[in-house]
Amino acid sequence: MKNDRIQVIQEKMPPGTSETRHLHRKAQQFFYVLSGEAALEIDGHLVVLHQREGALVQPGSAHRMQNMSKRHLEFLVTSEPPSHGDREEAAPPK
């Protein structure tokens, strides 16, 4: 689902994969785990999310979703406003 105010995307990640660390200047994002276990890094802190758990990432916070488990990960990411065009790569935490 996407309109000019909100975007909801369902994503899957194979075991041992990770996205690149990045941030959004305008969009806040809520990650919600449908199945598997997620390791969500937010501003250098690791948050482990299990099925039916979620976490909010504020605008300007460097983050990356990781699947450090041996099972597939499936999750929803809700962005408000939509995050496309609002993504920049972020340096590793200090």
PDB file of N, CA and C in Angstrom:
ATOM      1  N   MET A   1       0.835  -1.165   0.000  1.00  0.00           N
ATOM      2  CA  MET A   1       0.000   0.000   0.000  1.00  0.00           C
ATOM      3  C   MET A   1       0.883   1.232   0.000  1.00  0.00           C
ATOM      4  N   LYS A   2       0.534   2.199  -0.816  1.00  0.00           N
ATOM      5  CA  LYS A   2       1.294   3.453  -0.836  1.00  0.00           C
ATOM      6  C   LYS A   2       0.378   4.572  -1.298  1.00  0.00           C
ATOM      7  N   ASN A   3       0.458   5.677  -0.588  1.00  0.00           N
ATOM      8  CA  ASN A   3      -0.124   6.925  -1.051  1.00  0.00           C
ATOM      9  C   ASN A   3       0.873   8.017  -0.698  1.00  0.00           C
ATOM     10  N   ASP A   4       0.502   9.271  -0.790  1.00  0.00           N
ATOM     11  CA  ASP A   4       1.489  10.327  -0.529  1.00  0.00           C
ATOM     12  C   ASP A   4       1.724  10.582   0.959  1.00  0.00           C
ATOM     13  N   ARG A   5       1.039   9.838   1.855  1.00  0.00           N
ATOM     14  CA  ARG A   5       1.228  10.033   3.292  1.00  0.00           C
ATOM     15  C   ARG A   5       1.864   8.846   3.995  1.00  0.00           C
ATOM     16  N   ILE A   6       1.632   7.628   3.462  1.00  0.00           N
ATOM     17  CA  ILE A   6       2.121   6.426   4.135  1.00  0.00           C
ATOM     18  C   ILE A   6       2.428   5.335   3.108  1.00  0.00           C
ATOM     19  N   GLN A   7       3.364   4.465   3.471  1.00  0.00           N
ATOM     20  CA  GLN A   7       3.749   3.356   2.597  1.00  0.00           C
ATOM     21  C   GLN A   7       3.959   2.123   3.475  1.00  0.00           C
ATOM     22  N   VAL A   8       3.387   0.986   3.061  1.00  0.00           N
ATOM     23  CA  VAL A   8       3.562  -0.275   3.774  1.00  0.00           C
ATOM     24  C   VAL A   8       4.106  -1.297   2.782  1.00  0.00           C
ATOM     25  N   ILE A   9       5.253  -1.897   3.119  1.00  0.00           N
ATOM     26  CA  ILE A   9       5.901  -2.883   2.248  1.00  0.00           C
ATOM     27  C   ILE A   9       6.153  -4.151   3.051  1.00  0.00           C
ATOM     28  N   GLN A  10       5.861  -5.302   2.449  1.00  0.00           N
ATOM     29  CA  GLN A  10       6.204  -6.587   3.045  1.00  0.00           C
ATOM     30  C   GLN A  10       7.508  -7.043   2.413  1.00  0.00           C
ATOM     31  N   GLU A  11       8.477  -7.416   3.259  1.00  0.00           N
ATOM     32  CA  GLU A  11       9.796  -7.816   2.763  1.00  0.00           C
ATOM     33  C   GLU A  11      10.199  -9.169   3.339  1.00  0.00           C
ATOM     34  N   LYS A  12      11.077  -9.857   2.606  1.00  0.00           N
ATOM     35  CA  LYS A  12      11.655 -11.132   3.056  1.00  0.00           C
ATOM     36  C   LYS A  12      13.169 -11.030   2.965  1.00  0.00           C
ATOM     37  N   MET A  13      13.844 -11.627   3.941  1.00  0.00           N
ATOM     38  CA  MET A  13      15.304 -11.669   3.938  1.00  0.00           C
ATOM     39  C   MET A  13      15.758 -13.101   4.217  1.00  0.00           C
ATOM     40  N   PRO A  14      16.635 -13.640   3.363  1.00  0.00           N
ATOM     41  CA  PRO A  14      17.192 -14.971   3.623  1.00  0.00           C
ATOM     42  C   PRO A  14      18.117 -14.939   4.846  1.00  0.00           C
ATOM     43  N   PRO A  15      18.416 -16.093   5.403  1.00  0.00           N
ATOM     44  CA  PRO A  15      19.342 -16.161   6.536  1.00  0.00           C
ATOM     45  C   PRO A  15      20.696 -15.541   6.195  1.00  0.00           C
ATOM     46  N   GLY A  16      21.278 -14.853   7.178  1.00  0.00           N
ATOM     47  CA  GLY A  16      22.619 -14.292   7.033  1.00  0.00           C
ATOM     48  C   GLY A  16      22.734 -13.060   6.161  1.00  0.00           C
ATOM     49  N   THR A  17      21.618 -12.399   5.853  1.00  0.00           N
ATOM     50  CA  THR A  17      21.676 -11.207   5.001  1.00  0.00           C
ATOM     51  C   THR A  17      21.472  -9.929   5.804  1.00  0.00           C
ATOM     52  N   SER A  18      21.872  -8.818   5.194  1.00  0.00           N
ATOM     53  CA  SER A  18      21.783  -7.513   5.846  1.00  0.00           C
ATOM     54  C   SER A  18      21.628  -6.432   4.787  1.00  0.00           C
ATOM     55  N   GLU A  19      20.866  -5.401   5.111  1.00  0.00           N
ATOM     56  CA  GLU A  19      20.832  -4.250   4.215  1.00  0.00           C
ATOM     57  C   GLU A  19      21.937  -3.292   4.631  1.00  0.00           C
ATOM     58  N   THR A  20      22.228  -2.304   3.812  1.00  0.00           N
ATOM     59  CA  THR A  20      23.258  -1.328   4.167  1.00  0.00           C
ATOM     60  C   THR A  20      22.703  -0.328   5.180  1.00  0.00           C
ATOM     61  N   ARG A  21      23.588   0.159   6.033  1.00  0.00           N
ATOM     62  CA  ARG A  21      23.204   1.156   7.037  1.00  0.00           C
ATOM     63  C   ARG A  21      22.825   2.435   6.294  1.00  0.00           C
ATOM     64  N   HIS A  22      21.685   2.999   6.655  1.00  0.00           N
ATOM     65  CA  HIS A  22      21.197   4.198   5.991  1.00  0.00           C
ATOM     66  C   HIS A  22      20.304   4.990   6.936  1.00  0.00           C
ATOM     67  N   LEU A  23      19.843   6.134   6.467  1.00  0.00           N
ATOM     68  CA  LEU A  23      18.898   6.934   7.242  1.00  0.00           C
ATOM     69  C   LEU A  23      17.940   7.633   6.293  1.00  0.00           C
ATOM     70  N   HIS A  24      16.870   8.130   6.884  1.00  0.00           N
ATOM     71  CA  HIS A  24      15.871   8.911   6.160  1.00  0.00           C
ATOM     72  C   HIS A  24      15.734  10.244   6.894  1.00  0.00           C
ATOM     73  N   ARG A  25      15.818  11.341   6.185  1.00  0.00           N
ATOM     74  CA  ARG A  25      15.723  12.667   6.809  1.00  0.00           C
ATOM     75  C   ARG A  25      14.289  13.022   7.210  1.00  0.00           C
ATOM     76  N   LYS A  26      13.304  12.555   6.431  1.00  0.00           N
ATOM     77  CA  LYS A  26      11.908  12.926   6.683  1.00  0.00           C
ATOM     78  C   LYS A  26      11.059  11.783   7.211  1.00  0.00           C
ATOM     79  N   ALA A  27      11.309  10.585   6.732  1.00  0.00           N
ATOM     80  CA  ALA A  27      10.425   9.455   7.048  1.00  0.00           C
ATOM     81  C   ALA A  27      10.757   8.801   8.380  1.00  0.00           C
ATOM     82  N   GLN A  28       9.716   8.511   9.155  1.00  0.00           N
ATOM     83  CA  GLN A  28       9.842   7.601  10.284  1.00  0.00           C
ATOM     84  C   GLN A  28       9.385   6.244   9.784  1.00  0.00           C
ATOM     85  N   GLN A  29       9.971   5.176  10.345  1.00  0.00           N
ATOM     86  CA  GLN A  29       9.632   3.833   9.885  1.00  0.00           C
ATOM     87  C   GLN A  29       9.333   2.930  11.074  1.00  0.00           C
ATOM     88  N   PHE A  30       8.332   2.075  10.880  1.00  0.00           N
ATOM     89  CA  PHE A  30       8.001   1.067  11.878  1.00  0.00           C
ATOM     90  C   PHE A  30       8.198  -0.300  11.242  1.00  0.00           C
ATOM     91  N   PHE A  31       9.045  -1.128  11.867  1.00  0.00           N
ATOM     92  CA  PHE A  31       9.340  -2.476  11.402  1.00  0.00           C
ATOM     93  C   PHE A  31       8.576  -3.465  12.283  1.00  0.00           C
ATOM     94  N   TYR A  32       7.857  -4.393  11.646  1.00  0.00           N
ATOM     95  CA  TYR A  32       7.054  -5.374  12.373  1.00  0.00           C
ATOM     96  C   TYR A  32       7.349  -6.768  11.821  1.00  0.00           C
ATOM     97  N   VAL A  33       7.796  -7.681  12.688  1.00  0.00           N
ATOM     98  CA  VAL A  33       8.204  -9.018  12.263  1.00  0.00           C
ATOM     99  C   VAL A  33       6.984  -9.935  12.148  1.00  0.00           C
ATOM    100  N   LEU A  34       6.816 -10.512  10.957  1.00  0.00           N
ATOM    101  CA  LEU A  34       5.744 -11.480  10.706  1.00  0.00           C
ATOM    102  C   LEU A  34       6.206 -12.893  11.042  1.00  0.00           C
ATOM    103  N   SER A  35       7.441 -13.231  10.672  1.00  0.00           N
ATOM    104  CA  SER A  35       8.003 -14.546  11.008  1.00  0.00           C
ATOM    105  C   SER A  35       9.521 -14.453  11.016  1.00  0.00           C
ATOM    106  N   GLY A  36      10.139 -15.277  11.831  1.00  0.00           N
ATOM    107  CA  GLY A  36      11.587 -15.261  11.960  1.00  0.00           C
ATOM    108  C   GLY A  36      12.045 -14.341  13.078  1.00  0.00           C
ATOM    109  N   GLU A  37      13.323 -13.994  13.031  1.00  0.00           N
ATOM    110  CA  GLU A  37      13.932 -13.131  14.041  1.00  0.00           C
ATOM    111  C   GLU A  37      14.769 -12.075  13.339  1.00  0.00           C
ATOM    112  N   ALA A  38      14.540 -10.820  13.675  1.00  0.00           N
ATOM    113  CA  ALA A  38      15.252  -9.704  13.059  1.00  0.00           C
ATOM    114  C   ALA A  38      16.242  -9.107  14.043  1.00  0.00           C
ATOM    115  N   ALA A  39      17.347  -8.613  13.503  1.00  0.00           N
ATOM    116  CA  ALA A  39      18.311  -7.841  14.278  1.00  0.00           C
ATOM    117  C   ALA A  39      18.320  -6.460  13.628  1.00  0.00           C
ATOM    118  N   LEU A  40      17.668  -5.512  14.261  1.00  0.00           N
ATOM    119  CA  LEU A  40      17.548  -4.167  13.727  1.00  0.00           C
ATOM    120  C   LEU A  40      18.535  -3.259  14.455  1.00  0.00           C
ATOM    121  N   GLU A  41      19.523  -2.774  13.724  1.00  0.00           N
ATOM    122  CA  GLU A  41      20.500  -1.851  14.301  1.00  0.00           C
ATOM    123  C   GLU A  41      19.954  -0.430  14.153  1.00  0.00           C
ATOM    124  N   ILE A  42      19.866   0.289  15.275  1.00  0.00           N
ATOM    125  CA  ILE A  42      19.386   1.672  15.272  1.00  0.00           C
ATOM    126  C   ILE A  42      20.410   2.519  16.011  1.00  0.00           C
ATOM    127  N   ASP A  43      21.042   3.436  15.293  1.00  0.00           N
ATOM    128  CA  ASP A  43      22.056   4.319  15.889  1.00  0.00           C
ATOM    129  C   ASP A  43      23.099   3.551  16.700  1.00  0.00           C
ATOM    130  N   GLY A  44      23.550   2.422  16.161  1.00  0.00           N
ATOM    131  CA  GLY A  44      24.606   1.641  16.798  1.00  0.00           C
ATOM    132  C   GLY A  44      24.141   0.671  17.863  1.00  0.00           C
ATOM    133  N   HIS A  45      22.842   0.649  18.176  1.00  0.00           N
ATOM    134  CA  HIS A  45      22.292  -0.276  19.177  1.00  0.00           C
ATOM    135  C   HIS A  45      21.514  -1.367  18.463  1.00  0.00           C
ATOM    136  N   LEU A  46      21.717  -2.607  18.870  1.00  0.00           N
ATOM    137  CA  LEU A  46      21.049  -3.739  18.242  1.00  0.00           C
ATOM    138  C   LEU A  46      19.772  -4.079  18.996  1.00  0.00           C
ATOM    139  N   VAL A  47      18.662  -4.130  18.275  1.00  0.00           N
ATOM    140  CA  VAL A  47      17.365  -4.503  18.832  1.00  0.00           C
ATOM    141  C   VAL A  47      16.962  -5.817  18.164  1.00  0.00           C
ATOM    142  N   VAL A  48      16.762  -6.861  18.958  1.00  0.00           N
ATOM    143  CA  VAL A  48      16.332  -8.152  18.422  1.00  0.00           C
ATOM    144  C   VAL A  48      14.812  -8.205  18.501  1.00  0.00           C
ATOM    145  N   LEU A  49      14.197  -8.492  17.353  1.00  0.00           N
ATOM    146  CA  LEU A  49      12.741  -8.553  17.256  1.00  0.00           C
ATOM    147  C   LEU A  49      12.320  -9.962  16.864  1.00  0.00           C
ATOM    148  N   HIS A  50      11.348 -10.494  17.589  1.00  0.00           N
ATOM    149  CA  HIS A  50      10.787 -11.807  17.292  1.00  0.00           C
ATOM    150  C   HIS A  50       9.424 -11.629  16.642  1.00  0.00           C
ATOM    151  N   GLN A  51       8.822 -12.729  16.253  1.00  0.00           N
ATOM    152  CA  GLN A  51       7.506 -12.703  15.628  1.00  0.00           C
ATOM    153  C   GLN A  51       6.520 -11.889  16.468  1.00  0.00           C
ATOM    154  N   ARG A  52       5.786 -11.017  15.801  1.00  0.00           N
ATOM    155  CA  ARG A  52       4.776 -10.129  16.399  1.00  0.00           C
ATOM    156  C   ARG A  52       5.376  -9.043  17.287  1.00  0.00           C
ATOM    157  N   GLU A  53       6.641  -8.683  17.047  1.00  0.00           N
ATOM    158  CA  GLU A  53       7.269  -7.554  17.739  1.00  0.00           C
ATOM    159  C   GLU A  53       7.691  -6.528  16.699  1.00  0.00           C
ATOM    160  N   GLY A  54       7.763  -5.269  17.141  1.00  0.00           N
ATOM    161  CA  GLY A  54       8.131  -4.209  16.214  1.00  0.00           C
ATOM    162  C   GLY A  54       8.967  -3.148  16.888  1.00  0.00           C
ATOM    163  N   ALA A  55       9.514  -2.252  16.061  1.00  0.00           N
ATOM    164  CA  ALA A  55      10.336  -1.153  16.564  1.00  0.00           C
ATOM    165  C   ALA A  55      10.189   0.045  15.633  1.00  0.00           C
ATOM    166  N   LEU A  56      10.228   1.223  16.222  1.00  0.00           N
ATOM    167  CA  LEU A  56      10.113   2.477  15.492  1.00  0.00           C
ATOM    168  C   LEU A  56      11.494   3.086  15.281  1.00  0.00           C
ATOM    169  N   VAL A  57      11.749   3.559  14.070  1.00  0.00           N
ATOM    170  CA  VAL A  57      12.991   4.263  13.747  1.00  0.00           C
ATOM    171  C   VAL A  57      12.614   5.698  13.392  1.00  0.00           C
ATOM    172  N   GLN A  58      13.145   6.629  14.157  1.00  0.00           N
ATOM    173  CA  GLN A  58      12.839   8.048  13.963  1.00  0.00           C
ATOM    174  C   GLN A  58      13.600   8.608  12.763  1.00  0.00           C
ATOM    175  N   PRO A  59      13.093   9.678  12.145  1.00  0.00           N
ATOM    176  CA  PRO A  59      13.841  10.333  11.066  1.00  0.00           C
ATOM    177  C   PRO A  59      15.235  10.744  11.555  1.00  0.00           C
ATOM    178  N   GLY A  60      16.232  10.564  10.702  1.00  0.00           N
ATOM    179  CA  GLY A  60      17.607  10.932  11.042  1.00  0.00           C
ATOM    180  C   GLY A  60      18.392   9.858  11.765  1.00  0.00           C
ATOM    181  N   SER A  61      17.748   8.762  12.164  1.00  0.00           N
ATOM    182  CA  SER A  61      18.437   7.668  12.860  1.00  0.00           C
ATOM    183  C   SER A  61      19.016   6.683  11.843  1.00  0.00           C
ATOM    184  N   ALA A  62      20.320   6.451  11.932  1.00  0.00           N
ATOM    185  CA  ALA A  62      20.963   5.469  11.059  1.00  0.00           C
ATOM    186  C   ALA A  62      20.511   4.078  11.488  1.00  0.00           C
ATOM    187  N   HIS A  63      20.146   3.244  10.514  1.00  0.00           N
ATOM    188  CA  HIS A  63      19.636   1.912  10.837  1.00  0.00           C
ATOM    189  C   HIS A  63      19.897   0.935   9.701  1.00  0.00           C
ATOM    190  N   ARG A  64      19.779  -0.340  10.045  1.00  0.00           N
ATOM    191  CA  ARG A  64      19.820  -1.401   9.034  1.00  0.00           C
ATOM    192  C   ARG A  64      19.159  -2.644   9.604  1.00  0.00           C
ATOM    193  N   MET A  65      18.418  -3.314   8.753  1.00  0.00           N
ATOM    194  CA  MET A  65      17.763  -4.571   9.113  1.00  0.00           C
ATOM    195  C   MET A  65      18.718  -5.709   8.763  1.00  0.00           C
ATOM    196  N   GLN A  66      18.813  -6.687   9.676  1.00  0.00           N
ATOM    197  CA  GLN A  66      19.701  -7.829   9.484  1.00  0.00           C
ATOM    198  C   GLN A  66      18.963  -9.112   9.857  1.00  0.00           C
ATOM    199  N   ASN A  67      19.297 -10.171   9.157  1.00  0.00           N
ATOM    200  CA  ASN A  67      18.803 -11.491   9.520  1.00  0.00           C
ATOM    201  C   ASN A  67      20.020 -12.332   9.875  1.00  0.00           C
ATOM    202  N   MET A  68      20.331 -12.392  11.160  1.00  0.00           N
ATOM    203  CA  MET A  68      21.496 -13.135  11.635  1.00  0.00           C
ATOM    204  C   MET A  68      21.136 -14.584  11.965  1.00  0.00           C
ATOM    205  N   SER A  69      19.887 -14.936  11.788  1.00  0.00           N
ATOM    206  CA  SER A  69      19.429 -16.281  12.146  1.00  0.00           C
ATOM    207  C   SER A  69      19.640 -17.267  10.989  1.00  0.00           C
ATOM    208  N   LYS A  70      19.232 -18.498  11.216  1.00  0.00           N
ATOM    209  CA  LYS A  70      19.334 -19.540  10.195  1.00  0.00           C
ATOM    210  C   LYS A  70      17.997 -19.787   9.500  1.00  0.00           C
ATOM    211  N   ARG A  71      17.024 -18.931   9.778  1.00  0.00           N
ATOM    212  CA  ARG A  71      15.685 -19.048   9.182  1.00  0.00           C
ATOM    213  C   ARG A  71      15.378 -17.795   8.370  1.00  0.00           C
ATOM    214  N   HIS A  72      14.450 -17.921   7.444  1.00  0.00           N
ATOM    215  CA  HIS A  72      14.008 -16.757   6.677  1.00  0.00           C
ATOM    216  C   HIS A  72      13.292 -15.769   7.602  1.00  0.00           C
ATOM    217  N   LEU A  73      13.414 -14.496   7.277  1.00  0.00           N
ATOM    218  CA  LEU A  73      12.778 -13.413   8.017  1.00  0.00           C
ATOM    219  C   LEU A  73      11.764 -12.748   7.100  1.00  0.00           C
ATOM    220  N   GLU A  74      10.573 -12.522   7.622  1.00  0.00           N
ATOM    221  CA  GLU A  74       9.543 -11.804   6.877  1.00  0.00           C
ATOM    222  C   GLU A  74       9.004 -10.700   7.779  1.00  0.00           C
ATOM    223  N   PHE A  75       8.926  -9.481   7.241  1.00  0.00           N
ATOM    224  CA  PHE A  75       8.500  -8.351   8.057  1.00  0.00           C
ATOM    225  C   PHE A  75       7.780  -7.309   7.214  1.00  0.00           C
ATOM    226  N   LEU A  76       7.076  -6.421   7.909  1.00  0.00           N
ATOM    227  CA  LEU A  76       6.462  -5.253   7.292  1.00  0.00           C
ATOM    228  C   LEU A  76       7.267  -4.036   7.691  1.00  0.00           C
ATOM    229  N   VAL A  77       7.423  -3.107   6.758  1.00  0.00           N
ATOM    230  CA  VAL A  77       8.014  -1.810   7.083  1.00  0.00           C
ATOM    231  C   VAL A  77       7.015  -0.743   6.632  1.00  0.00           C
ATOM    232  N   THR A  78       6.605   0.079   7.590  1.00  0.00           N
ATOM    233  CA  THR A  78       5.669   1.159   7.335  1.00  0.00           C
ATOM    234  C   THR A  78       6.435   2.469   7.414  1.00  0.00           C
ATOM    235  N   SER A  79       6.352   3.268   6.363  1.00  0.00           N
ATOM    236  CA  SER A  79       7.073   4.545   6.305  1.00  0.00           C
ATOM    237  C   SER A  79       6.069   5.691   6.221  1.00  0.00           C
ATOM    238  N   GLU A  80       6.308   6.715   7.037  1.00  0.00           N
ATOM    239  CA  GLU A  80       5.441   7.891   7.039  1.00  0.00           C
ATOM    240  C   GLU A  80       6.300   9.142   7.154  1.00  0.00           C
ATOM    241  N   PRO A  81       6.355   9.978   6.122  1.00  0.00           N
ATOM    242  CA  PRO A  81       5.815   9.795   4.779  1.00  0.00           C
ATOM    243  C   PRO A  81       6.604   8.707   4.041  1.00  0.00           C
ATOM    244  N   PRO A  82       6.169   8.310   2.825  1.00  0.00           N
ATOM    245  CA  PRO A  82       6.901   7.290   2.075  1.00  0.00           C
ATOM    246  C   PRO A  82       8.393   7.620   1.994  1.00  0.00           C
ATOM    247  N   SER A  83       9.228   6.574   2.081  1.00  0.00           N
ATOM    248  CA  SER A  83      10.679   6.778   2.199  1.00  0.00           C
ATOM    249  C   SER A  83      11.426   6.821   0.878  1.00  0.00           C
ATOM    250  N   HIS A  84      10.791   6.481  -0.223  1.00  0.00           N
ATOM    251  CA  HIS A  84      11.492   6.500  -1.509  1.00  0.00           C
ATOM    252  C   HIS A  84      11.935   7.923  -1.837  1.00  0.00           C
ATOM    253  N   GLY A  85      13.202   8.058  -2.212  1.00  0.00           N
ATOM    254  CA  GLY A  85      13.775   9.368  -2.483  1.00  0.00           C
ATOM    255  C   GLY A  85      14.270  10.073  -1.228  1.00  0.00           C
ATOM    256  N   ASP A  86      14.124   9.431  -0.068  1.00  0.00           N
ATOM    257  CA  ASP A  86      14.524  10.023   1.210  1.00  0.00           C
ATOM    258  C   ASP A  86      15.533   9.111   1.912  1.00  0.00           C
ATOM    259  N   ARG A  87      16.380   8.459   1.167  1.00  0.00           N
ATOM    260  CA  ARG A  87      17.342   7.511   1.748  1.00  0.00           C
ATOM    261  C   ARG A  87      18.747   7.970   1.435  1.00  0.00           C
ATOM    262  N   GLU A  88      19.603   7.997   2.464  1.00  0.00           N
ATOM    263  CA  GLU A  88      21.029   8.270   2.264  1.00  0.00           C
ATOM    264  C   GLU A  88      21.837   7.264   3.054  1.00  0.00           C
ATOM    265  N   GLU A  89      22.958   6.860   2.474  1.00  0.00           N
ATOM    266  CA  GLU A  89      23.852   5.929   3.142  1.00  0.00           C
ATOM    267  C   GLU A  89      24.391   6.575   4.420  1.00  0.00           C
ATOM    268  N   ALA A  90      24.642   5.749   5.429  1.00  0.00           N
ATOM    269  CA  ALA A  90      25.130   6.232   6.726  1.00  0.00           C
ATOM    270  C   ALA A  90      26.448   5.540   7.068  1.00  0.00           C
ATOM    271  N   ALA A  91      27.326   6.256   7.702  1.00  0.00           N
ATOM    272  CA  ALA A  91      28.619   5.713   8.134  1.00  0.00           C
ATOM    273  C   ALA A  91      28.412   4.733   9.296  1.00  0.00           C
ATOM    274  N   PRO A  92      29.343   3.805   9.496  1.00  0.00           N
ATOM    275  CA  PRO A  92      29.260   2.895  10.641  1.00  0.00           C
ATOM    276  C   PRO A  92      29.271   3.681  11.959  1.00  0.00           C
ATOM    277  N   PRO A  93      28.667   3.119  13.014  1.00  0.00           N
ATOM    278  CA  PRO A  93      28.674   3.804  14.307  1.00  0.00           C
ATOM    279  C   PRO A  93      30.085   3.931  14.852  1.00  0.00           C
ATOM    280  N   LYS A  94      30.318   4.954  15.648  1.00  0.00           N
ATOM    281  CA  LYS A  94      31.642   5.206  16.243  1.00  0.00           C
ATOM    282  C   LYS A  94      31.805   4.457  17.529  1.00  0.00           C
TER     283      LYS A  94
END
